[in-house]
C-alpha atoms as a PDB file:
ATOM      1  CA  GLU A   1      92.002 136.421  86.047  1.00  0.00           C
ATOM      2  CA  GLN A   2      90.677 132.847  85.927  1.00  0.00           C
ATOM      3  CA  LYS A   3      88.707 133.410  82.691  1.00  0.00           C
ATOM      4  CA  ALA A   4      85.700 131.696  84.277  1.00  0.00           C
ATOM      5  CA  LEU A   5      81.970 132.003  83.725  1.00  0.00           C
ATOM      6  CA  ILE A   6      80.092 133.227  86.759  1.00  0.00           C
ATOM      7  CA  ASN A   7      76.382 132.579  87.222  1.00  0.00           C
ATOM      8  CA  ARG A   8      75.040 135.097  89.689  1.00  0.00           C
ATOM      9  CA  MET A   9      71.528 133.596  89.547  1.00  0.00           C
ATOM     10  CA  GLY A  10      69.688 136.477  87.954  1.00  0.00           C
ATOM     11  CA  PHE A  11      70.145 139.196  85.392  1.00  0.00           C
ATOM     12  CA  ASN A  12      72.641 141.306  87.296  1.00  0.00           C
ATOM     13  CA  SER A  13      74.132 143.686  84.749  1.00  0.00           C
ATOM     14  CA  ASP A  14      74.677 147.297  83.811  1.00  0.00           C
ATOM     15  CA  GLY A  15      71.760 147.108  81.366  1.00  0.00           C
ATOM     16  CA  ALA A  16      71.379 145.928  77.784  1.00  0.00           C
ATOM     17  CA  ALA A  17      72.511 149.167  76.131  1.00  0.00           C
ATOM     18  CA  THR A  18      75.681 149.365  78.241  1.00  0.00           C
ATOM     19  CA  VAL A  19      76.544 145.707  77.688  1.00  0.00           C
ATOM     20  CA  ALA A  20      75.919 146.018  73.924  1.00  0.00           C
ATOM     21  CA  GLU A  21      78.241 149.017  73.683  1.00  0.00           C
ATOM     22  CA  ARG A  22      80.891 147.159  75.655  1.00  0.00           C
ATOM     23  CA  LEU A  23      80.615 144.197  73.276  1.00  0.00           C
ATOM     24  CA  ARG A  24      80.876 146.481  70.233  1.00  0.00           C
ATOM     25  CA  GLY A  25      84.302 147.498  71.544  1.00  0.00           C
ATOM     26  CA  HIS A  26      85.568 143.922  71.189  1.00  0.00           C
ATOM     27  CA  LYS A  27      86.405 141.977  68.071  1.00  0.00           C
ATOM     28  CA  TRP A  28      84.343 138.823  68.414  1.00  0.00           C
ATOM     29  CA  ASN A  29      85.162 135.685  66.432  1.00  0.00           C
ATOM     30  CA  HIS A  30      81.719 134.105  65.914  1.00  0.00           C
ATOM     31  CA  ASP A  31      83.290 131.161  64.094  1.00  0.00           C
ATOM     32  CA  ARG A  32      85.230 130.189  67.188  1.00  0.00           C
ATOM     33  CA  VAL A  33      82.665 131.033  69.878  1.00  0.00           C
ATOM     34  CA  PRO A  34      79.172 132.211  68.859  1.00  0.00           C
ATOM     35  CA  LEU A  35      77.652 134.876  71.085  1.00  0.00           C
ATOM     36  CA  GLY A  36      74.242 134.051  72.532  1.00  0.00           C
ATOM     37  CA  VAL A  37      72.045 136.459  74.449  1.00  0.00           C
ATOM     38  CA  ASN A  38      69.571 135.478  77.152  1.00  0.00           C
ATOM     39  CA  ALA A  39      66.491 137.706  76.779  1.00  0.00           C
ATOM     40  CA  GLY A  40      64.361 138.135  79.861  1.00  0.00           C
ATOM     41  CA  LYS A  41      61.933 140.664  81.214  1.00  0.00           C
ATOM     42  CA  ASN A  42      62.884 143.130  83.911  1.00  0.00           C
ATOM     43  CA  LYS A  43      61.763 142.087  87.373  1.00  0.00           C
ATOM     44  CA  ASP A  44      59.539 145.153  87.689  1.00  0.00           C
ATOM     45  CA  THR A  45      57.868 144.685  84.285  1.00  0.00           C
ATOM     46  CA  PRO A  46      54.276 143.441  84.566  1.00  0.00           C
ATOM     47  CA  GLU A  47      53.568 140.140  82.790  1.00  0.00           C
ATOM     48  CA  GLU A  48      51.339 141.847  80.230  1.00  0.00           C
ATOM     49  CA  ARG A  49      54.316 143.968  79.081  1.00  0.00           C
ATOM     50  CA  ALA A  50      56.953 141.223  79.087  1.00  0.00           C
ATOM     51  CA  ILE A  51      56.963 140.879  75.294  1.00  0.00           C
ATOM     52  CA  GLN A  52      58.187 144.487  74.994  1.00  0.00           C
ATOM     53  CA  ASP A  53      61.173 143.670  77.207  1.00  0.00           C
ATOM     54  CA  TYR A  54      62.046 140.608  75.121  1.00  0.00           C
ATOM     55  CA  LEU A  55      61.776 142.594  71.897  1.00  0.00           C
ATOM     56  CA  GLN A  56      63.927 145.411  73.287  1.00  0.00           C
ATOM     57  CA  VAL A  57      66.732 143.002  74.166  1.00  0.00           C
ATOM     58  CA  ILE A  58      66.588 141.422  70.710  1.00  0.00           C
ATOM     59  CA  GLU A  59      66.626 144.844  69.045  1.00  0.00           C
ATOM     60  CA  THR A  60      69.580 145.959  71.176  1.00  0.00           C
ATOM     61  CA  PHE A  61      71.706 142.876  70.388  1.00  0.00           C
ATOM     62  CA  LYS A  62      70.486 141.964  66.883  1.00  0.00           C
ATOM     63  CA  ASP A  63      73.786 142.932  65.244  1.00  0.00           C
ATOM     64  CA  LEU A  64      75.931 141.262  67.920  1.00  0.00           C
ATOM     65  CA  ALA A  65      74.365 137.900  68.790  1.00  0.00           C
ATOM     66  CA  ARG A  66      74.254 134.736  66.728  1.00  0.00           C
ATOM     67  CA  TYR A  67      71.290 133.410  68.698  1.00  0.00           C
ATOM     68  CA  PHE A  68      68.844 134.382  71.443  1.00  0.00           C
ATOM     69  CA  VAL A  69      67.345 132.421  74.318  1.00  0.00           C
ATOM     70  CA  VAL A  70      64.014 133.735  75.559  1.00  0.00           C
ATOM     71  CA  ASN A  71      63.864 133.202  79.309  1.00  0.00           C
ATOM     72  CA  ILE A  72      60.180 133.047  80.222  1.00  0.00           C
ATOM     73  CA  SER A  73      60.700 131.512  83.655  1.00  0.00           C
ATOM     74  CA  SER A  74      62.161 134.583  85.331  1.00  0.00           C
END
């Protein structure tokens, strides 16, 4: 209702595939507001497999996002 951004301090979501499908259902005007995606590893992914998580997020959103932020601190 308030059209506000909410930071829940973490990656709380329904998952990349679900969010990507939800976004595909919207007409997004990238000229007005570019869509950026924060790519991070899952909390249960071991450090040595983190790169696979980052790559999966990028693959999932490559046709939707204008830019990516790789979050290596989480």
